[in-house]
Amino acid sequence: MNIKTITPADLFNSEKLKNMLSDPNSLTLFRIAAAPGIVVLLFFPNRICTFLAAILFSAAAITDYFDGYFARQRGMTSAFGKAMDPLADKLLVSSSLIMLASLGWIPGWVVCVIIARELAITGLRGMISDKGADVSASNLGKYKTGFQIAAIIPLIFHYPYFGVNLHAIGMFFLWGALIYSLWSGIDYLIRFGKLIDI
């Protein structure tokens, strides 16, 4: 397992910073660390804190692409990355949605459905992964993730900017995320449900 220790001095060393930002495991750990940061910021739902939380979420979401890209291109895949990468994604999305629901900005039942789908499919993937089946995300799953990110960012911003109702935009994508969550979950069950030993 290759996890680099990061010190405050590394943030001012351009070479070390560059290496850190191109290390898949470091990017995964950044997503995990970003989740509680977003939660803390949303405890104070004013314009400044929500702005910072939305920027932090956006930066963390971008690392989801780059850690996979670097791992594939540089042959830096690891057991840690395979286990923690999907966990980091779910932690980031779930904690953000829960906080948004706690603030009354989105319906709680929508959050319950989305998180229940994530837990159910994660459990299913764990059950069938040892059977040699390809359990990588389908296109529907990728659309689901895209809609989730597209919803959460404007929902965290919450307040209008330049006359644009970001909350309404976020709700539009949230309904799309809900539809794709259900659709991709059902598709996953149809494709792999027969491999489950009950």
C-alpha atoms as a PDB file:
ATOM      1  CA  MET A   1       0.000   0.000   0.000  1.00  0.00           C
ATOM      2  CA  ASN A   2       1.411   3.363  -1.020  1.00  0.00           C
ATOM      3  CA  ILE A   3       0.140   6.214   1.156  1.00  0.00           C
ATOM      4  CA  LYS A   4       2.324   9.284   1.352  1.00  0.00           C
ATOM      5  CA  THR A   5       2.668  11.224   4.575  1.00  0.00           C
ATOM      6  CA  ILE A   6       1.790  14.878   3.977  1.00  0.00           C
ATOM      7  CA  THR A   7       3.255  17.643   6.111  1.00  0.00           C
ATOM      8  CA  PRO A   8       2.388  21.375   6.030  1.00  0.00           C
ATOM      9  CA  ALA A   9       5.807  22.045   4.478  1.00  0.00           C
ATOM     10  CA  ASP A  10       4.856  19.864   1.504  1.00  0.00           C
ATOM     11  CA  LEU A  11       2.147  22.356   0.555  1.00  0.00           C
ATOM     12  CA  PHE A  12       4.826  24.971  -0.113  1.00  0.00           C
ATOM     13  CA  ASN A  13       7.122  22.613  -2.025  1.00  0.00           C
ATOM     14  CA  SER A  14       5.965  22.694  -5.640  1.00  0.00           C
ATOM     15  CA  GLU A  15       7.550  19.349  -6.566  1.00  0.00           C
ATOM     16  CA  LYS A  16       6.129  17.533  -3.552  1.00  0.00           C
ATOM     17  CA  LEU A  17       2.754  19.180  -4.102  1.00  0.00           C
ATOM     18  CA  LYS A  18       2.764  18.067  -7.734  1.00  0.00           C
ATOM     19  CA  ASN A  19       3.604  14.495  -6.737  1.00  0.00           C
ATOM     20  CA  MET A  20       0.913  14.540  -4.053  1.00  0.00           C
ATOM     21  CA  LEU A  21      -1.735  15.759  -6.505  1.00  0.00           C
ATOM     22  CA  SER A  22      -0.821  13.008  -8.965  1.00  0.00           C
ATOM     23  CA  ASP A  23      -0.901  10.199  -6.382  1.00  0.00           C
ATOM     24  CA  PRO A  24      -4.230   8.308  -6.587  1.00  0.00           C
ATOM     25  CA  ASN A  25      -4.258   7.350  -2.916  1.00  0.00           C
ATOM     26  CA  SER A  26      -3.615  10.934  -1.818  1.00  0.00           C
ATOM     27  CA  LEU A  27      -6.546  12.104  -3.938  1.00  0.00           C
ATOM     28  CA  THR A  28      -8.767   9.419  -2.422  1.00  0.00           C
ATOM     29  CA  LEU A  29      -7.752  10.503   1.075  1.00  0.00           C
ATOM     30  CA  PHE A  30      -8.508  14.110   0.123  1.00  0.00           C
ATOM     31  CA  ARG A  31     -12.087  13.110  -0.757  1.00  0.00           C
ATOM     32  CA  ILE A  32     -12.462  11.329   2.566  1.00  0.00           C
ATOM     33  CA  ALA A  33     -11.110  14.366   4.440  1.00  0.00           C
ATOM     34  CA  ALA A  34     -13.335  16.744   2.439  1.00  0.00           C
ATOM     35  CA  ALA A  35     -16.544  15.067   3.653  1.00  0.00           C
ATOM     36  CA  PRO A  36     -16.294  16.183   7.320  1.00  0.00           C
ATOM     37  CA  GLY A  37     -15.061  19.585   6.135  1.00  0.00           C
ATOM     38  CA  ILE A  38     -18.258  20.053   4.130  1.00  0.00           C
ATOM     39  CA  VAL A  39     -20.363  18.874   7.084  1.00  0.00           C
ATOM     40  CA  VAL A  40     -18.723  21.409   9.417  1.00  0.00           C
ATOM     41  CA  LEU A  41     -19.153  24.267   6.933  1.00  0.00           C
ATOM     42  CA  LEU A  42     -22.840  23.442   6.476  1.00  0.00           C
ATOM     43  CA  PHE A  43     -23.363  23.690  10.225  1.00  0.00           C
ATOM     44  CA  PHE A  44     -23.169  27.428   9.502  1.00  0.00           C
ATOM     45  CA  PRO A  45     -25.423  27.826   6.442  1.00  0.00           C
ATOM     46  CA  ASN A  46     -24.546  31.391   5.532  1.00  0.00           C
ATOM     47  CA  ARG A  47     -23.446  32.613   2.123  1.00  0.00           C
ATOM     48  CA  ILE A  48     -19.710  32.401   2.871  1.00  0.00           C
ATOM     49  CA  CYS A  49     -19.758  28.912   4.400  1.00  0.00           C
ATOM     50  CA  THR A  50     -22.003  27.443   1.710  1.00  0.00           C
ATOM     51  CA  PHE A  51     -19.766  28.958  -0.964  1.00  0.00           C
ATOM     52  CA  LEU A  52     -16.670  27.386   0.628  1.00  0.00           C
ATOM     53  CA  ALA A  53     -18.463  24.056   1.069  1.00  0.00           C
ATOM     54  CA  ALA A  54     -19.523  24.027  -2.594  1.00  0.00           C
ATOM     55  CA  ILE A  55     -15.958  24.792  -3.734  1.00  0.00           C
ATOM     56  CA  LEU A  56     -14.597  22.043  -1.468  1.00  0.00           C
ATOM     57  CA  PHE A  57     -17.147  19.552  -2.790  1.00  0.00           C
ATOM     58  CA  SER A  58     -16.346  20.530  -6.387  1.00  0.00           C
ATOM     59  CA  ALA A  59     -12.607  20.062  -5.828  1.00  0.00           C
ATOM     60  CA  ALA A  60     -13.198  16.694  -4.163  1.00  0.00           C
ATOM     61  CA  ALA A  61     -15.513  15.555  -6.960  1.00  0.00           C
ATOM     62  CA  ILE A  62     -12.885  16.425  -9.582  1.00  0.00           C
ATOM     63  CA  THR A  63     -10.334  14.196  -7.834  1.00  0.00           C
ATOM     64  CA  ASP A  64     -12.659  11.230  -8.422  1.00  0.00           C
ATOM     65  CA  TYR A  65     -11.773  11.402 -12.117  1.00  0.00           C
ATOM     66  CA  PHE A  66      -8.088  12.099 -11.692  1.00  0.00           C
ATOM     67  CA  ASP A  67      -7.294   9.388  -9.164  1.00  0.00           C
ATOM     68  CA  GLY A  68      -8.699   6.749 -11.522  1.00  0.00           C
ATOM     69  CA  TYR A  69      -6.910   8.319 -14.474  1.00  0.00           C
ATOM     70  CA  PHE A  70      -3.522   8.388 -12.740  1.00  0.00           C
ATOM     71  CA  ALA A  71      -3.978   4.864 -11.384  1.00  0.00           C
ATOM     72  CA  ARG A  72      -4.655   3.478 -14.870  1.00  0.00           C
ATOM     73  CA  GLN A  73      -2.116   5.531 -16.803  1.00  0.00           C
ATOM     74  CA  ARG A  74       0.762   5.015 -14.385  1.00  0.00           C
ATOM     75  CA  GLY A  75      -0.006   1.514 -13.200  1.00  0.00           C
ATOM     76  CA  MET A  76      -0.534   2.767  -9.651  1.00  0.00           C
ATOM     77  CA  THR A  77      -3.523   0.618  -8.779  1.00  0.00           C
ATOM     78  CA  SER A  78      -3.519  -0.766  -5.246  1.00  0.00           C
ATOM     79  CA  ALA A  79      -5.711  -2.782  -2.896  1.00  0.00           C
ATOM     80  CA  PHE A  80      -6.160   0.387  -0.830  1.00  0.00           C
ATOM     81  CA  GLY A  81      -7.365   2.338  -3.854  1.00  0.00           C
ATOM     82  CA  LYS A  82      -9.768  -0.365  -5.015  1.00  0.00           C
ATOM     83  CA  ALA A  83     -11.338  -0.582  -1.563  1.00  0.00           C
ATOM     84  CA  MET A  84     -11.314   3.075  -0.540  1.00  0.00           C
ATOM     85  CA  ASP A  85     -12.087   4.855  -3.833  1.00  0.00           C
ATOM     86  CA  PRO A  86     -15.775   3.839  -3.997  1.00  0.00           C
ATOM     87  CA  LEU A  87     -16.079   4.325  -0.227  1.00  0.00           C
ATOM     88  CA  ALA A  88     -14.700   7.875  -0.519  1.00  0.00           C
ATOM     89  CA  ASP A  89     -17.239   8.673  -3.255  1.00  0.00           C
ATOM     90  CA  LYS A  90     -20.167   7.407  -1.223  1.00  0.00           C
ATOM     91  CA  LEU A  91     -18.979   9.164   1.931  1.00  0.00           C
ATOM     92  CA  LEU A  92     -18.657  12.478   0.082  1.00  0.00           C
ATOM     93  CA  VAL A  93     -22.047  12.269  -1.633  1.00  0.00           C
ATOM     94  CA  SER A  94     -23.989  10.783   1.282  1.00  0.00           C
ATOM     95  CA  SER A  95     -22.708  13.220   3.904  1.00  0.00           C
ATOM     96  CA  SER A  96     -23.476  16.170   1.629  1.00  0.00           C
ATOM     97  CA  LEU A  97     -27.006  14.955   0.884  1.00  0.00           C
ATOM     98  CA  ILE A  98     -27.701  14.275   4.564  1.00  0.00           C
ATOM     99  CA  MET A  99     -26.600  17.777   5.515  1.00  0.00           C
ATOM    100  CA  LEU A 100     -28.740  19.305   2.763  1.00  0.00           C
ATOM    101  CA  ALA A 101     -31.742  17.346   4.044  1.00  0.00           C
ATOM    102  CA  SER A 102     -31.021  18.364   7.641  1.00  0.00           C
ATOM    103  CA  LEU A 103     -31.143  21.998   6.542  1.00  0.00           C
ATOM    104  CA  GLY A 104     -34.515  21.383   4.907  1.00  0.00           C
ATOM    105  CA  TRP A 105     -33.172  22.272   1.472  1.00  0.00           C
ATOM    106  CA  ILE A 106     -34.043  18.913  -0.126  1.00  0.00           C
ATOM    107  CA  PRO A 107     -36.627  16.212   0.703  1.00  0.00           C
ATOM    108  CA  GLY A 108     -35.340  13.704   3.225  1.00  0.00           C
ATOM    109  CA  TRP A 109     -37.053  10.775   1.508  1.00  0.00           C
ATOM    110  CA  VAL A 110     -35.088  11.418  -1.699  1.00  0.00           C
ATOM    111  CA  VAL A 111     -31.855  11.195   0.288  1.00  0.00           C
ATOM    112  CA  CYS A 112     -33.047   7.949   1.895  1.00  0.00           C
ATOM    113  CA  VAL A 113     -33.783   6.381  -1.499  1.00  0.00           C
ATOM    114  CA  ILE A 114     -30.444   7.428  -3.006  1.00  0.00           C
ATOM    115  CA  ILE A 115     -28.385   6.261  -0.021  1.00  0.00           C
ATOM    116  CA  ALA A 116     -30.370   3.003   0.292  1.00  0.00           C
ATOM    117  CA  ARG A 117     -29.629   2.281  -3.375  1.00  0.00           C
ATOM    118  CA  GLU A 118     -25.912   2.925  -2.802  1.00  0.00           C
ATOM    119  CA  LEU A 119     -25.802   0.584   0.199  1.00  0.00           C
ATOM    120  CA  ALA A 120     -27.797  -2.146  -1.546  1.00  0.00           C
ATOM    121  CA  ILE A 121     -25.663  -2.107  -4.702  1.00  0.00           C
ATOM    122  CA  THR A 122     -22.433  -1.938  -2.685  1.00  0.00           C
ATOM    123  CA  GLY A 123     -23.555  -5.029  -0.794  1.00  0.00           C
ATOM    124  CA  LEU A 124     -24.514  -6.774  -4.032  1.00  0.00           C
ATOM    125  CA  ARG A 125     -21.159  -5.976  -5.600  1.00  0.00           C
ATOM    126  CA  GLY A 126     -19.378  -7.384  -2.574  1.00  0.00           C
ATOM    127  CA  MET A 127     -21.358 -10.622  -2.822  1.00  0.00           C
ATOM    128  CA  ILE A 128     -20.650 -11.230  -6.500  1.00  0.00           C
ATOM    129  CA  SER A 129     -17.135  -9.807  -6.856  1.00  0.00           C
ATOM    130  CA  ASP A 130     -15.565 -13.167  -5.949  1.00  0.00           C
ATOM    131  CA  LYS A 131     -17.473 -14.870  -8.762  1.00  0.00           C
ATOM    132  CA  GLY A 132     -15.354 -13.248 -11.458  1.00  0.00           C
ATOM    133  CA  ALA A 133     -18.138 -11.016 -12.774  1.00  0.00           C
ATOM    134  CA  ASP A 134     -17.341  -7.524 -14.035  1.00  0.00           C
ATOM    135  CA  VAL A 135     -18.910  -5.308 -11.373  1.00  0.00           C
ATOM    136  CA  SER A 136     -17.606  -1.999 -12.713  1.00  0.00           C
ATOM    137  CA  ALA A 137     -20.066   0.848 -13.032  1.00  0.00           C
ATOM    138  CA  SER A 138     -22.378   0.772 -16.049  1.00  0.00           C
ATOM    139  CA  ASN A 139     -23.192   3.822 -18.156  1.00  0.00           C
ATOM    140  CA  LEU A 140     -26.376   4.223 -16.116  1.00  0.00           C
ATOM    141  CA  GLY A 141     -24.284   4.265 -12.950  1.00  0.00           C
ATOM    142  CA  LYS A 142     -21.999   6.894 -14.431  1.00  0.00           C
ATOM    143  CA  TYR A 143     -24.989   9.045 -15.397  1.00  0.00           C
ATOM    144  CA  LYS A 144     -26.295   8.649 -11.848  1.00  0.00           C
ATOM    145  CA  THR A 145     -23.011   9.891 -10.426  1.00  0.00           C
ATOM    146  CA  GLY A 146     -22.923  12.789 -12.882  1.00  0.00           C
ATOM    147  CA  PHE A 147     -26.430  13.890 -11.934  1.00  0.00           C
ATOM    148  CA  GLN A 148     -25.612  13.595  -8.227  1.00  0.00           C
ATOM    149  CA  ILE A 149     -22.599  15.877  -8.570  1.00  0.00           C
ATOM    150  CA  ALA A 150     -24.498  18.284 -10.826  1.00  0.00           C
ATOM    151  CA  ALA A 151     -27.245  18.456  -8.191  1.00  0.00           C
ATOM    152  CA  ILE A 152     -25.161  18.740  -5.041  1.00  0.00           C
ATOM    153  CA  ILE A 153     -22.920  21.605  -6.163  1.00  0.00           C
ATOM    154  CA  PRO A 154     -25.699  24.164  -6.818  1.00  0.00           C
ATOM    155  CA  LEU A 155     -27.712  22.852  -3.862  1.00  0.00           C
ATOM    156  CA  ILE A 156     -24.786  23.535  -1.522  1.00  0.00           C
ATOM    157  CA  PHE A 157     -24.298  27.015  -3.019  1.00  0.00           C
ATOM    158  CA  HIS A 158     -28.040  27.419  -2.266  1.00  0.00           C
ATOM    159  CA  TYR A 159     -28.132  31.209  -2.455  1.00  0.00           C
ATOM    160  CA  PRO A 160     -28.778  33.010  -5.760  1.00  0.00           C
ATOM    161  CA  TYR A 161     -25.724  34.353  -7.592  1.00  0.00           C
ATOM    162  CA  PHE A 162     -26.051  36.949 -10.350  1.00  0.00           C
ATOM    163  CA  GLY A 163     -29.818  36.445 -10.277  1.00  0.00           C
ATOM    164  CA  VAL A 164     -29.546  32.694 -10.956  1.00  0.00           C
ATOM    165  CA  ASN A 165     -31.672  30.416  -8.765  1.00  0.00           C
ATOM    166  CA  LEU A 166     -29.061  27.753  -8.046  1.00  0.00           C
ATOM    167  CA  HIS A 167     -31.380  25.844  -5.730  1.00  0.00           C
ATOM    168  CA  ALA A 168     -33.895  25.296  -8.540  1.00  0.00           C
ATOM    169  CA  ILE A 169     -31.102  24.083 -10.835  1.00  0.00           C
ATOM    170  CA  GLY A 170     -29.882  21.708  -8.143  1.00  0.00           C
ATOM    171  CA  MET A 171     -33.379  20.310  -7.597  1.00  0.00           C
ATOM    172  CA  PHE A 172     -33.734  19.634 -11.335  1.00  0.00           C
ATOM    173  CA  PHE A 173     -30.577  17.529 -11.315  1.00  0.00           C
ATOM    174  CA  LEU A 174     -31.528  15.907  -8.000  1.00  0.00           C
ATOM    175  CA  TRP A 175     -34.706  14.500  -9.542  1.00  0.00           C
ATOM    176  CA  GLY A 176     -32.567  13.215 -12.409  1.00  0.00           C
ATOM    177  CA  ALA A 177     -30.169  11.650  -9.898  1.00  0.00           C
ATOM    178  CA  LEU A 178     -33.115   9.954  -8.174  1.00  0.00           C
ATOM    179  CA  ILE A 179     -34.390   8.517 -11.462  1.00  0.00           C
ATOM    180  CA  TYR A 180     -30.955   7.253 -12.500  1.00  0.00           C
ATOM    181  CA  SER A 181     -30.327   5.858  -9.003  1.00  0.00           C
ATOM    182  CA  LEU A 182     -33.445   3.715  -9.245  1.00  0.00           C
ATOM    183  CA  TRP A 183     -32.943   2.846 -12.916  1.00  0.00           C
ATOM    184  CA  SER A 184     -29.291   1.829 -12.524  1.00  0.00           C
ATOM    185  CA  GLY A 185     -30.067  -0.079  -9.324  1.00  0.00           C
ATOM    186  CA  ILE A 186     -32.803  -2.109 -11.009  1.00  0.00           C
ATOM    187  CA  ASP A 187     -30.545  -2.702 -14.029  1.00  0.00           C
ATOM    188  CA  TYR A 188     -27.785  -3.931 -11.710  1.00  0.00           C
ATOM    189  CA  LEU A 189     -30.166  -6.338  -9.951  1.00  0.00           C
ATOM    190  CA  ILE A 190     -31.426  -7.715 -13.257  1.00  0.00           C
ATOM    191  CA  ARG A 191     -27.898  -8.277 -14.582  1.00  0.00           C
ATOM    192  CA  PHE A 192     -26.308  -9.731 -11.458  1.00  0.00           C
ATOM    193  CA  GLY A 193     -29.156 -10.826  -9.177  1.00  0.00           C
ATOM    194  CA  LYS A 194     -28.956 -14.379 -10.512  1.00  0.00           C
ATOM    195  CA  LEU A 195     -25.385 -14.661  -9.178  1.00  0.00           C
ATOM    196  CA  ILE A 196     -26.484 -14.135  -5.585  1.00  0.00           C
ATOM    197  CA  ASP A 197     -26.457 -17.231  -3.400  1.00  0.00           C
ATOM    198  CA  ILE A 198     -29.434 -17.084  -1.049  1.00  0.00           C
END
